[in-house]
C-alpha atoms as a PDB file:
ATOM      1  CA  MET A   1     201.734  16.171-218.857  1.00  0.00           C
ATOM      2  CA  ASP A   2     204.168  17.981-220.983  1.00  0.00           C
ATOM      3  CA  SER A   3     204.336  21.051-219.400  1.00  0.00           C
ATOM      4  CA  GLU A   4     204.750  22.980-222.955  1.00  0.00           C
ATOM      5  CA  LEU A   5     201.306  21.571-223.924  1.00  0.00           C
ATOM      6  CA  VAL A   6     199.867  22.603-220.523  1.00  0.00           C
ATOM      7  CA  GLU A   7     200.931  25.978-221.273  1.00  0.00           C
ATOM      8  CA  ASN A   8     200.006  26.469-224.753  1.00  0.00           C
ATOM      9  CA  SER A   9     196.079  24.920-224.061  1.00  0.00           C
ATOM     10  CA  VAL A  10     193.007  27.257-224.266  1.00  0.00           C
ATOM     11  CA  VAL A  11     189.585  25.376-223.446  1.00  0.00           C
ATOM     12  CA  ILE A  12     187.056  26.571-226.593  1.00  0.00           C
ATOM     13  CA  GLN A  13     183.490  25.932-227.581  1.00  0.00           C
ATOM     14  CA  ARG A  14     182.624  23.679-230.662  1.00  0.00           C
ATOM     15  CA  ASP A  15     182.108  26.228-233.533  1.00  0.00           C
ATOM     16  CA  GLU A  16     185.346  27.709-232.365  1.00  0.00           C
ATOM     17  CA  LEU A  17     187.233  24.613-233.912  1.00  0.00           C
ATOM     18  CA  GLN A  18     186.547  26.581-237.203  1.00  0.00           C
ATOM     19  CA  ILE A  19     188.997  29.264-236.038  1.00  0.00           C
ATOM     20  CA  LEU A  20     191.748  26.552-236.009  1.00  0.00           C
ATOM     21  CA  LEU A  21     190.592  24.650-239.287  1.00  0.00           C
ATOM     22  CA  ASN A  22     190.872  28.116-240.926  1.00  0.00           C
ATOM     23  CA  LEU A  23     194.363  28.837-239.692  1.00  0.00           C
ATOM     24  CA  PHE A  24     195.560  25.447-241.510  1.00  0.00           C
ATOM     25  CA  GLY A  25     194.472  27.517-245.043  1.00  0.00           C
ATOM     26  CA  ASP A  26     195.029  24.739-247.838  1.00  0.00           C
ATOM     27  CA  GLN A  27     197.458  22.677-246.125  1.00  0.00           C
ATOM     28  CA  SER A  28     196.137  19.157-245.351  1.00  0.00           C
ATOM     29  CA  VAL A  29     194.366  18.032-241.947  1.00  0.00           C
ATOM     30  CA  VAL A  30     195.207  14.908-240.551  1.00  0.00           C
ATOM     31  CA  VAL A  31     193.196  13.240-237.808  1.00  0.00           C
ATOM     32  CA  ASP A  32     195.169  11.005-235.909  1.00  0.00           C
ATOM     33  CA  TYR A  33     194.924   9.037-232.512  1.00  0.00           C
ATOM     34  CA  PRO A  34     198.325  10.230-230.672  1.00  0.00           C
ATOM     35  CA  LEU A  35     198.855   7.512-228.532  1.00  0.00           C
ATOM     36  CA  PHE A  36     199.482   5.000-231.350  1.00  0.00           C
ATOM     37  CA  ASP A  37     199.825   7.211-234.557  1.00  0.00           C
ATOM     38  CA  LEU A  38     196.988   6.270-236.145  1.00  0.00           C
ATOM     39  CA  LYS A  39     195.574   8.248-238.867  1.00  0.00           C
ATOM     40  CA  LEU A  40     191.621   8.527-238.698  1.00  0.00           C
ATOM     41  CA  ILE A  41     191.015  10.638-241.651  1.00  0.00           C
ATOM     42  CA  GLN A  42     192.647  13.223-244.173  1.00  0.00           C
ATOM     43  CA  ALA A  43     190.703  16.820-245.136  1.00  0.00           C
ATOM     44  CA  LYS A  44     191.507  19.547-247.574  1.00  0.00           C
ATOM     45  CA  THR A  45     189.535  22.231-248.547  1.00  0.00           C
ATOM     46  CA  SER A  46     187.322  21.943-251.568  1.00  0.00           C
ATOM     47  CA  GLY A  47     185.250  25.425-252.249  1.00  0.00           C
ATOM     48  CA  ASP A  48     183.092  26.299-249.117  1.00  0.00           C
ATOM     49  CA  GLY A  49     183.888  22.494-247.742  1.00  0.00           C
ATOM     50  CA  TYR A  50     186.237  19.690-247.537  1.00  0.00           C
ATOM     51  CA  ARG A  51     186.871  16.828-249.589  1.00  0.00           C
ATOM     52  CA  ILE A  52     187.409  13.828-246.991  1.00  0.00           C
ATOM     53  CA  ARG A  53     189.183  10.330-247.045  1.00  0.00           C
ATOM     54  CA  VAL A  54     189.493   7.834-244.524  1.00  0.00           C
ATOM     55  CA  LEU A  55     192.847   6.794-244.068  1.00  0.00           C
ATOM     56  CA  SER A  56     192.651   3.364-242.010  1.00  0.00           C
ATOM     57  CA  ASP A  57     190.911   0.376-242.401  1.00  0.00           C
ATOM     58  CA  GLU A  58     189.795  -2.279-240.008  1.00  0.00           C
ATOM     59  CA  GLU A  59     192.896  -4.321-239.805  1.00  0.00           C
ATOM     60  CA  ASP A  60     194.782  -1.178-238.574  1.00  0.00           C
ATOM     61  CA  PHE A  61     192.405  -1.265-235.451  1.00  0.00           C
ATOM     62  CA  GLU A  62     192.489  -4.986-234.951  1.00  0.00           C
ATOM     63  CA  GLU A  63     196.584  -4.884-234.750  1.00  0.00           C
ATOM     64  CA  LEU A  64     196.526  -2.954-231.346  1.00  0.00           C
ATOM     65  CA  TYR A  65     193.944  -4.940-229.814  1.00  0.00           C
ATOM     66  CA  ALA A  66     196.154  -7.971-229.098  1.00  0.00           C
ATOM     67  CA  ASP A  67     198.798  -5.561-226.931  1.00  0.00           C
ATOM     68  CA  TYR A  68     195.805  -3.837-225.415  1.00  0.00           C
ATOM     69  CA  SER A  69     193.429  -6.408-224.864  1.00  0.00           C
ATOM     70  CA  THR A  70     192.039  -5.330-220.881  1.00  0.00           C
ATOM     71  CA  TYR A  71     191.172  -1.929-222.367  1.00  0.00           C
ATOM     72  CA  VAL A  72     190.656  -2.865-225.859  1.00  0.00           C
ATOM     73  CA  ASN A  73     186.849  -1.352-225.376  1.00  0.00           C
ATOM     74  CA  GLU A  74     188.640   2.638-225.014  1.00  0.00           C
ATOM     75  CA  LEU A  75     190.505   2.171-227.664  1.00  0.00           C
ATOM     76  CA  PRO A  76     189.230   3.835-231.077  1.00  0.00           C
ATOM     77  CA  SER A  77     187.834   1.416-233.932  1.00  0.00           C
ATOM     78  CA  PHE A  78     186.827   1.491-237.251  1.00  0.00           C
ATOM     79  CA  ASP A  79     183.665   1.690-236.477  1.00  0.00           C
ATOM     80  CA  ASP A  80     183.906   4.800-234.434  1.00  0.00           C
ATOM     81  CA  ILE A  81     184.461   6.816-237.496  1.00  0.00           C
ATOM     82  CA  ARG A  82     181.540   5.471-239.399  1.00  0.00           C
ATOM     83  CA  TYR A  83     179.691   6.224-236.364  1.00  0.00           C
ATOM     84  CA  CYS A  84     180.651   9.947-235.829  1.00  0.00           C
ATOM     85  CA  MET A  85     180.402  10.602-239.517  1.00  0.00           C
ATOM     86  CA  LEU A  86     176.754   9.374-239.025  1.00  0.00           C
ATOM     87  CA  LEU A  87     176.702  12.068-235.762  1.00  0.00           C
ATOM     88  CA  SER A  88     177.828  14.445-238.230  1.00  0.00           C
ATOM     89  CA  GLU A  89     175.471  13.837-240.974  1.00  0.00           C
ATOM     90  CA  ILE A  90     178.151  13.527-243.279  1.00  0.00           C
ATOM     91  CA  ILE A  91     176.544   9.765-244.229  1.00  0.00           C
ATOM     92  CA  GLN A  92     172.930   8.455-243.723  1.00  0.00           C
ATOM     93  CA  TYR A  93     171.293   5.345-242.944  1.00  0.00           C
ATOM     94  CA  ASP A  94     171.148   3.191-245.901  1.00  0.00           C
ATOM     95  CA  ASN A  95     167.525   3.129-246.394  1.00  0.00           C
ATOM     96  CA  ILE A  96     166.511   6.646-244.994  1.00  0.00           C
ATOM     97  CA  ASP A  97     164.438   7.417-248.156  1.00  0.00           C
ATOM     98  CA  ASP A  98     162.564   4.267-247.430  1.00  0.00           C
ATOM     99  CA  PHE A  99     161.890   5.748-244.018  1.00  0.00           C
ATOM    100  CA  LYS A 100     160.678   9.162-245.215  1.00  0.00           C
ATOM    101  CA  ASP A 101     158.617   7.510-248.059  1.00  0.00           C
ATOM    102  CA  MET A 102     157.155   5.581-244.345  1.00  0.00           C
ATOM    103  CA  LEU A 103     156.608   9.267-242.978  1.00  0.00           C
ATOM    104  CA  LYS A 104     154.139  10.243-245.672  1.00  0.00           C
ATOM    105  CA  ALA A 105     151.809   7.038-245.584  1.00  0.00           C
ATOM    106  CA  TYR A 106     151.642   7.763-241.851  1.00  0.00           C
ATOM    107  CA  GLU A 107     150.364  10.979-242.905  1.00  0.00           C
ATOM    108  CA  LYS A 108     147.025   9.517-244.396  1.00  0.00           C
ATOM    109  CA  LEU A 109     146.360   7.116-241.244  1.00  0.00           C
ATOM    110  CA  GLY A 110     143.096   8.214-239.073  1.00  0.00           C
ATOM    111  CA  LYS A 111     145.392   7.847-235.492  1.00  0.00           C
ATOM    112  CA  ILE A 112     148.133   9.758-234.194  1.00  0.00           C
ATOM    113  CA  VAL A 113     151.412   8.224-234.535  1.00  0.00           C
ATOM    114  CA  TYR A 114     154.077   8.037-232.311  1.00  0.00           C
ATOM    115  CA  LEU A 115     157.681   7.212-232.991  1.00  0.00           C
ATOM    116  CA  ALA A 116     159.060   4.796-229.982  1.00  0.00           C
ATOM    117  CA  LEU A 117     162.711   4.864-229.913  1.00  0.00           C
ATOM    118  CA  ASP A 118     164.868   2.293-229.216  1.00  0.00           C
ATOM    119  CA  THR A 119     167.930   3.054-227.162  1.00  0.00           C
ATOM    120  CA  ASN A 120     170.198   2.788-230.006  1.00  0.00           C
ATOM    121  CA  MET A 121     168.153   5.492-231.654  1.00  0.00           C
ATOM    122  CA  LEU A 122     169.214   7.786-229.142  1.00  0.00           C
ATOM    123  CA  TYR A 123     172.841   7.061-229.422  1.00  0.00           C
ATOM    124  CA  GLN A 124     172.954   7.358-232.861  1.00  0.00           C
ATOM    125  CA  GLY A 125     171.547  10.766-232.468  1.00  0.00           C
ATOM    126  CA  PHE A 126     168.401  10.506-234.543  1.00  0.00           C
ATOM    127  CA  PRO A 127     165.993  12.787-233.331  1.00  0.00           C
ATOM    128  CA  SER A 128     168.225  15.962-233.569  1.00  0.00           C
ATOM    129  CA  LYS A 129     169.251  14.799-237.309  1.00  0.00           C
ATOM    130  CA  ALA A 130     165.425  13.835-238.250  1.00  0.00           C
ATOM    131  CA  SER A 131     164.562  17.678-238.944  1.00  0.00           C
ATOM    132  CA  TYR A 132     162.100  16.632-241.660  1.00  0.00           C
ATOM    133  CA  ILE A 133     159.753  14.855-239.469  1.00  0.00           C
ATOM    134  CA  LYS A 134     157.216  18.032-238.514  1.00  0.00           C
ATOM    135  CA  ALA A 135     155.646  18.094-235.124  1.00  0.00           C
ATOM    136  CA  PRO A 136     156.985  14.459-233.941  1.00  0.00           C
ATOM    137  CA  ARG A 137     155.401  12.674-231.173  1.00  0.00           C
ATOM    138  CA  TYR A 138     157.944  10.547-229.686  1.00  0.00           C
ATOM    139  CA  LEU A 139     157.323   7.272-227.211  1.00  0.00           C
ATOM    140  CA  ILE A 140     160.057   5.858-225.157  1.00  0.00           C
ATOM    141  CA  VAL A 141     159.754   3.317-222.622  1.00  0.00           C
ATOM    142  CA  ASP A 142     161.530   3.602-219.439  1.00  0.00           C
ATOM    143  CA  THR A 143     163.538   1.306-219.970  1.00  0.00           C
ATOM    144  CA  VAL A 144     165.137   2.501-222.483  1.00  0.00           C
ATOM    145  CA  TYR A 145     166.413   5.738-220.134  1.00  0.00           C
ATOM    146  CA  ASP A 146     167.473   3.231-217.621  1.00  0.00           C
ATOM    147  CA  GLU A 147     169.765   1.845-220.588  1.00  0.00           C
ATOM    148  CA  ILE A 148     171.409   5.551-220.934  1.00  0.00           C
ATOM    149  CA  GLU A 149     171.561   6.542-217.539  1.00  0.00           C
ATOM    150  CA  SER A 150     172.947   3.142-216.242  1.00  0.00           C
ATOM    151  CA  SER A 151     175.958   4.187-218.451  1.00  0.00           C
ATOM    152  CA  VAL A 152     176.417   7.805-217.768  1.00  0.00           C
ATOM    153  CA  ASN A 153     178.720   7.436-214.797  1.00  0.00           C
ATOM    154  CA  TYR A 154     181.351   4.957-215.653  1.00  0.00           C
ATOM    155  CA  LYS A 155     184.821   6.776-214.762  1.00  0.00           C
ATOM    156  CA  TYR A 156     188.249   6.031-215.362  1.00  0.00           C
ATOM    157  CA  LYS A 157     190.374   5.181-211.734  1.00  0.00           C
ATOM    158  CA  PRO A 158     193.946   6.212-211.186  1.00  0.00           C
ATOM    159  CA  PHE A 159     194.863   2.589-211.916  1.00  0.00           C
ATOM    160  CA  HIS A 160     193.244   2.276-215.274  1.00  0.00           C
ATOM    161  CA  ILE A 161     195.197   5.436-216.394  1.00  0.00           C
ATOM    162  CA  HIS A 162     198.139   3.732-215.514  1.00  0.00           C
ATOM    163  CA  GLU A 163     197.977   0.223-216.898  1.00  0.00           C
ATOM    164  CA  MET A 164     196.344   2.089-220.061  1.00  0.00           C
ATOM    165  CA  GLN A 165     199.929   4.477-219.904  1.00  0.00           C
ATOM    166  CA  GLU A 166     201.694   0.893-219.751  1.00  0.00           C
ATOM    167  CA  CYS A 167     200.195  -0.253-223.869  1.00  0.00           C
ATOM    168  CA  ALA A 168     200.620   3.463-225.269  1.00  0.00           C
ATOM    169  CA  HIS A 169     203.247   3.906-228.062  1.00  0.00           C
ATOM    170  CA  TYR A 170     203.616   7.692-227.696  1.00  0.00           C
ATOM    171  CA  HIS A 171     202.237  10.740-225.742  1.00  0.00           C
ATOM    172  CA  ALA A 172     201.035   8.216-222.608  1.00  0.00           C
ATOM    173  CA  GLU A 173     200.816  11.616-220.862  1.00  0.00           C
ATOM    174  CA  LEU A 174     197.868  12.752-222.724  1.00  0.00           C
ATOM    175  CA  LEU A 175     196.050   9.961-220.443  1.00  0.00           C
ATOM    176  CA  GLU A 176     196.033  12.287-217.488  1.00  0.00           C
ATOM    177  CA  ASN A 177     193.428  14.367-218.909  1.00  0.00           C
ATOM    178  CA  LEU A 178     191.481  11.477-218.465  1.00  0.00           C
ATOM    179  CA  GLU A 179     191.459  10.636-214.517  1.00  0.00           C
ATOM    180  CA  ASN A 180     188.518  10.760-212.995  1.00  0.00           C
ATOM    181  CA  ARG A 181     186.541  11.576-216.103  1.00  0.00           C
ATOM    182  CA  LYS A 182     184.227   9.692-218.069  1.00  0.00           C
ATOM    183  CA  MET A 183     185.397   6.686-219.985  1.00  0.00           C
ATOM    184  CA  LYS A 184     184.178   5.521-223.527  1.00  0.00           C
ATOM    185  CA  LYS A 185     180.653   4.049-222.987  1.00  0.00           C
ATOM    186  CA  ALA A 186     179.668   7.145-220.608  1.00  0.00           C
ATOM    187  CA  ARG A 187     180.818   9.889-222.840  1.00  0.00           C
ATOM    188  CA  LYS A 188     178.669   8.243-225.701  1.00  0.00           C
ATOM    189  CA  ALA A 189     175.777   7.900-222.857  1.00  0.00           C
ATOM    190  CA  ALA A 190     176.150  11.471-221.318  1.00  0.00           C
ATOM    191  CA  HIS A 191     176.936  13.725-224.626  1.00  0.00           C
ATOM    192  CA  VAL A 192     175.443  12.210-227.321  1.00  0.00           C
ATOM    193  CA  ALA A 193     172.522   9.661-226.057  1.00  0.00           C
ATOM    194  CA  MET A 194     171.187  11.594-222.873  1.00  0.00           C
ATOM    195  CA  LYS A 195     171.381  14.913-224.879  1.00  0.00           C
ATOM    196  CA  GLU A 196     169.514  13.584-227.503  1.00  0.00           C
ATOM    197  CA  TYR A 197     166.565  12.494-224.842  1.00  0.00           C
ATOM    198  CA  HIS A 198     166.955  16.013-223.897  1.00  0.00           C
ATOM    199  CA  TYR A 199     166.504  17.528-226.947  1.00  0.00           C
ATOM    200  CA  ILE A 200     163.086  16.200-227.465  1.00  0.00           C
ATOM    201  CA  ARG A 201     161.759  16.202-224.247  1.00  0.00           C
ATOM    202  CA  GLU A 202     158.851  18.239-224.994  1.00  0.00           C
ATOM    203  CA  TYR A 203     157.789  15.790-227.231  1.00  0.00           C
ATOM    204  CA  ILE A 204     157.756  12.508-225.368  1.00  0.00           C
ATOM    205  CA  GLN A 205     155.376  10.540-223.919  1.00  0.00           C
ATOM    206  CA  GLU A 206     156.933   8.332-221.615  1.00  0.00           C
ATOM    207  CA  VAL A 207     155.692   4.279-221.264  1.00  0.00           C
ATOM    208  CA  LYS A 208     155.969   2.522-217.963  1.00  0.00           C
ATOM    209  CA  ALA A 209     157.242  -1.054-218.437  1.00  0.00           C
ATOM    210  CA  GLU A 210     155.718  -3.926-216.565  1.00  0.00           C
ATOM    211  CA  LEU A 211     159.279  -5.460-215.682  1.00  0.00           C
ATOM    212  CA  PRO A 212     162.572  -3.747-214.513  1.00  0.00           C
ATOM    213  CA  SER A 213     165.515  -2.836-216.892  1.00  0.00           C
ATOM    214  CA  THR A 214     168.322  -5.501-216.799  1.00  0.00           C
ATOM    215  CA  ASN A 215     172.040  -5.627-217.248  1.00  0.00           C
ATOM    216  CA  HIS A 216     171.109  -7.633-220.859  1.00  0.00           C
ATOM    217  CA  SER A 217     170.449  -5.769-223.955  1.00  0.00           C
ATOM    218  CA  GLU A 218     168.366  -8.373-225.482  1.00  0.00           C
ATOM    219  CA  LYS A 219     165.663  -9.017-222.453  1.00  0.00           C
ATOM    220  CA  ASN A 220     165.639  -5.173-222.598  1.00  0.00           C
ATOM    221  CA  ASP A 221     164.725  -5.234-226.109  1.00  0.00           C
ATOM    222  CA  ARG A 222     161.872  -7.596-225.266  1.00  0.00           C
ATOM    223  CA  ILE A 223     160.629  -5.601-222.273  1.00  0.00           C
ATOM    224  CA  ILE A 224     160.736  -2.234-224.123  1.00  0.00           C
ATOM    225  CA  VAL A 225     158.554  -4.302-227.258  1.00  0.00           C
ATOM    226  CA  ASN A 226     155.921  -5.419-224.738  1.00  0.00           C
ATOM    227  CA  ALA A 227     155.261  -1.916-223.164  1.00  0.00           C
ATOM    228  CA  ILE A 228     155.246  -0.756-226.787  1.00  0.00           C
ATOM    229  CA  ARG A 229     152.500  -3.474-227.577  1.00  0.00           C
ATOM    230  CA  ARG A 230     150.393  -2.886-224.402  1.00  0.00           C
ATOM    231  CA  PHE A 231     150.336   0.992-224.849  1.00  0.00           C
ATOM    232  CA  ASP A 232     149.110   0.122-228.495  1.00  0.00           C
ATOM    233  CA  GLU A 233     146.411  -2.480-227.272  1.00  0.00           C
ATOM    234  CA  GLU A 234     145.099   0.145-224.565  1.00  0.00           C
ATOM    235  CA  ASN A 235     145.057   3.270-226.891  1.00  0.00           C
ATOM    236  CA  ASN A 236     142.914   3.558-229.575  1.00  0.00           C
ATOM    237  CA  TYR A 237     143.595   7.355-230.642  1.00  0.00           C
ATOM    238  CA  ALA A 238     147.531   5.843-230.994  1.00  0.00           C
ATOM    239  CA  TYR A 239     149.721   3.755-233.868  1.00  0.00           C
ATOM    240  CA  PRO A 240     153.174   3.366-232.178  1.00  0.00           C
ATOM    241  CA  VAL A 241     155.584   2.832-234.446  1.00  0.00           C
ATOM    242  CA  PHE A 242     159.338   0.595-233.270  1.00  0.00           C
ATOM    243  CA  LEU A 243     162.173   2.578-234.711  1.00  0.00           C
ATOM    244  CA  THR A 244     165.288   0.635-233.915  1.00  0.00           C
ATOM    245  CA  ALA A 245     168.993   0.057-235.739  1.00  0.00           C
ATOM    246  CA  ASP A 246     168.859  -3.687-233.928  1.00  0.00           C
ATOM    247  CA  THR A 247     167.899  -6.448-235.821  1.00  0.00           C
ATOM    248  CA  ASN A 248     167.183  -8.790-232.846  1.00  0.00           C
ATOM    249  CA  ALA A 249     164.513  -5.954-231.817  1.00  0.00           C
ATOM    250  CA  SER A 250     162.931  -5.735-235.080  1.00  0.00           C
ATOM    251  CA  ASN A 251     162.596  -9.259-235.032  1.00  0.00           C
ATOM    252  CA  LEU A 252     160.858  -9.018-231.989  1.00  0.00           C
ATOM    253  CA  CYS A 253     158.003  -7.016-233.798  1.00  0.00           C
ATOM    254  CA  GLU A 254     157.247  -9.584-236.432  1.00  0.00           C
ATOM    255  CA  GLY A 255     153.955 -11.504-235.683  1.00  0.00           C
ATOM    256  CA  LYS A 256     152.538  -9.631-232.980  1.00  0.00           C
ATOM    257  CA  GLY A 257     153.551  -6.028-233.692  1.00  0.00           C
ATOM    258  CA  PRO A 258     153.877  -3.104-232.960  1.00  0.00           C
ATOM    259  CA  ASP A 259     154.753  -1.659-236.397  1.00  0.00           C
ATOM    260  CA  PHE A 260     158.459  -1.289-236.846  1.00  0.00           C
ATOM    261  CA  PHE A 261     161.278   0.460-238.873  1.00  0.00           C
ATOM    262  CA  HIS A 262     164.502  -0.709-238.696  1.00  0.00           C
ATOM    263  CA  PHE A 263     167.033   1.755-240.182  1.00  0.00           C
ATOM    264  CA  THR A 264     170.101  -0.417-241.846  1.00  0.00           C
ATOM    265  CA  TYR A 265     173.414   1.618-240.207  1.00  0.00           C
ATOM    266  CA  PRO A 266     175.379   2.897-243.291  1.00  0.00           C
ATOM    267  CA  SER A 267     177.258   0.092-244.725  1.00  0.00           C
ATOM    268  CA  THR A 268     180.014   1.958-246.621  1.00  0.00           C
ATOM    269  CA  LEU A 269     182.145   5.208-245.832  1.00  0.00           C
ATOM    270  CA  ASP A 270     182.168   6.252-249.682  1.00  0.00           C
ATOM    271  CA  ALA A 271     181.374  10.126-248.547  1.00  0.00           C
ATOM    272  CA  ARG A 272     183.974  12.117-250.312  1.00  0.00           C
ATOM    273  CA  GLU A 273     182.902  15.671-249.509  1.00  0.00           C
ATOM    274  CA  CYS A 274     181.601  17.470-246.485  1.00  0.00           C
ATOM    275  CA  SER A 275     180.577  21.094-245.699  1.00  0.00           C
ATOM    276  CA  SER A 276     182.651  23.187-243.291  1.00  0.00           C
ATOM    277  CA  ASP A 277     179.984  22.406-240.244  1.00  0.00           C
ATOM    278  CA  GLN A 278     179.652  19.118-241.210  1.00  0.00           C
ATOM    279  CA  PHE A 279     183.875  18.804-240.623  1.00  0.00           C
ATOM    280  CA  VAL A 280     183.757  20.792-237.020  1.00  0.00           C
ATOM    281  CA  LYS A 281     181.167  18.265-235.969  1.00  0.00           C
ATOM    282  CA  LEU A 282     182.909  15.338-237.224  1.00  0.00           C
ATOM    283  CA  VAL A 283     186.330  16.477-235.211  1.00  0.00           C
ATOM    284  CA  TYR A 284     184.084  17.589-232.583  1.00  0.00           C
ATOM    285  CA  TRP A 285     182.850  13.787-232.358  1.00  0.00           C
ATOM    286  CA  LEU A 286     185.705  11.926-232.973  1.00  0.00           C
ATOM    287  CA  ALA A 287     187.499  13.754-229.746  1.00  0.00           C
ATOM    288  CA  ILE A 288     184.137  13.404-227.641  1.00  0.00           C
ATOM    289  CA  VAL A 289     184.441   9.609-228.472  1.00  0.00           C
ATOM    290  CA  ASN A 290     187.984   8.801-228.194  1.00  0.00           C
ATOM    291  CA  GLY A 291     188.578  11.110-225.417  1.00  0.00           C
ATOM    292  CA  PHE A 292     191.214  12.833-227.404  1.00  0.00           C
ATOM    293  CA  ILE A 293     192.565  12.973-230.659  1.00  0.00           C
ATOM    294  CA  LYS A 294     195.223  15.234-233.119  1.00  0.00           C
ATOM    295  CA  CYS A 295     194.629  17.286-235.852  1.00  0.00           C
ATOM    296  CA  ASN A 296     198.485  18.280-237.687  1.00  0.00           C
ATOM    297  CA  SER A 297     200.088  19.359-234.595  1.00  0.00           C
ATOM    298  CA  VAL A 298     197.189  20.325-232.303  1.00  0.00           C
ATOM    299  CA  ILE A 299     195.209  17.698-229.448  1.00  0.00           C
ATOM    300  CA  VAL A 300     191.708  18.038-229.647  1.00  0.00           C
ATOM    301  CA  CYS A 301     190.411  16.592-225.952  1.00  0.00           C
ATOM    302  CA  GLY A 302     186.919  16.055-225.582  1.00  0.00           C
ATOM    303  CA  GLU A 303     187.082  15.009-221.902  1.00  0.00           C
ATOM    304  CA  PHE A 304     189.169  17.039-219.855  1.00  0.00           C
ATOM    305  CA  GLY A 305     189.805  17.959-216.373  1.00  0.00           C
ATOM    306  CA  HIS A 306     187.094  20.587-214.841  1.00  0.00           C
ATOM    307  CA  LYS A 307     185.401  20.372-218.044  1.00  0.00           C
ATOM    308  CA  GLY A 308     182.142  20.277-215.476  1.00  0.00           C
ATOM    309  CA  ARG A 309     178.794  20.269-217.226  1.00  0.00           C
ATOM    310  CA  ASP A 310     179.712  21.795-220.565  1.00  0.00           C
ATOM    311  CA  ASP A 311     179.056  19.590-223.191  1.00  0.00           C
ATOM    312  CA  ASP A 312     180.258  21.571-226.175  1.00  0.00           C
ATOM    313  CA  SER A 313     183.533  22.592-224.632  1.00  0.00           C
ATOM    314  CA  LEU A 314     187.261  21.465-225.937  1.00  0.00           C
ATOM    315  CA  LYS A 315     190.887  21.550-224.377  1.00  0.00           C
ATOM    316  CA  LEU A 316     193.115  22.602-227.567  1.00  0.00           C
ATOM    317  CA  MET A 317     196.890  21.992-226.509  1.00  0.00           C
ATOM    318  CA  PHE A 318     198.944  23.164-229.238  1.00  0.00           C
ATOM    319  CA  GLN A 319     202.880  21.502-229.854  1.00  0.00           C
ATOM    320  CA  ASP A 320     203.385  24.724-232.298  1.00  0.00           C
ATOM    321  CA  ARG A 321     203.921  27.712-229.906  1.00  0.00           C
ATOM    322  CA  LYS A 322     203.740  30.177-232.710  1.00  0.00           C
ATOM    323  CA  LEU A 323     200.313  28.627-233.771  1.00  0.00           C
ATOM    324  CA  PHE A 324     198.988  28.902-230.558  1.00  0.00           C
ATOM    325  CA  GLU A 325     199.509  32.713-230.223  1.00  0.00           C
ATOM    326  CA  ILE A 326     198.034  33.126-233.752  1.00  0.00           C
ATOM    327  CA  PHE A 327     195.014  30.983-232.415  1.00  0.00           C
ATOM    328  CA  THR A 328     194.512  32.792-229.231  1.00  0.00           C
ATOM    329  CA  ARG A 329     194.825  35.820-231.054  1.00  0.00           C
ATOM    330  CA  GLU A 330     191.891  35.250-233.631  1.00  0.00           C
ATOM    331  CA  LEU A 331     189.780  33.325-230.948  1.00  0.00           C
ATOM    332  CA  GLY A 332     190.128  36.777-228.951  1.00  0.00           C
ATOM    333  CA  ILE A 333     188.908  38.854-231.682  1.00  0.00           C
ATOM    334  CA  CYS A 334     186.086  36.492-232.985  1.00  0.00           C
ATOM    335  CA  ARG A 335     184.913  36.627-229.179  1.00  0.00           C
ATOM    336  CA  ARG A 336     185.185  40.202-228.728  1.00  0.00           C
ATOM    337  CA  LEU A 337     182.818  40.733-232.074  1.00  0.00           C
ATOM    338  CA  MET A 338     180.198  38.102-230.330  1.00  0.00           C
ATOM    339  CA  GLU A 339     179.905  40.121-227.353  1.00  0.00           C
ATOM    340  CA  LEU A 340     179.063  43.147-229.754  1.00  0.00           C
ATOM    341  CA  LYS A 341     175.800  41.203-231.024  1.00  0.00           C
ATOM    342  CA  ILE A 342     175.455  42.831-234.157  1.00  0.00           C
ATOM    343  CA  ALA A 343     172.910  42.244-235.798  1.00  0.00           C
ATOM    344  CA  LYS A 344     172.943  40.411-239.495  1.00  0.00           C
END
């Protein structure tokens, strides 16, 4: 690892990213993936928020995959941009308004409505974004939890890091941050899906499936749907509605039920503006999902040694010493002010 990068580094919390972004002022913020100088997003201040522009397309990513075939699942993808924008609430499901209308119709039912979540709904951060659902009741089949838990502990071994470094075009040393840390599927499971599960823990009624979970997603879909059907048959007071963003899972509900809503994954990245908070979240999620990214001259690490269990922490590594000194001074001032706990 470059000794200067190590020296000019600091661990921060997600919200403290705003301090860094403020230091860029009116300068455009370009977010890229430093191993290949792959540009992802450009943002520029506009009023209280940002104007954003996606700088790459699917072909830009596909050109990398031929040289990186063994570890292609560890590379950024075009869909990662869409995924992180969804997590940041910059874009929404195409049919989110239809879902909200459906919720209003369910309020007139004489039964208790349970929203049964498919695994993908937790991976896509649905519960924490659904603040418009009043007093929600969630149904979780244990297969859903098993699918998440089985992915949490995949970690990079030293030989993984070495082989990935052989393929990197630039800054291969940054991969040292990932040694013995979570792989991409594990980062999504731990920092998104499992976090969402705990977020709604008090609103969950768990259902035990009749069959154990498997390593095949389509088989697990059937196990989940059958468990919800059984819950529906055994509880006359309840009306379960299966929520999924997976076509196969929704197809299983046709005919024999249960009632379901199939969320349509965002089809376009046509968002042009976002709030400051949304852009902070976008930078955070891009760093978490991809392990690290670069914002102008600053490496933002979402996964790094000694991170521990603090999901919201990030490590900033500065290529510009002067910017590092200014940032740490501003960070110190903000933290001291927060410690005063001044009431608004």
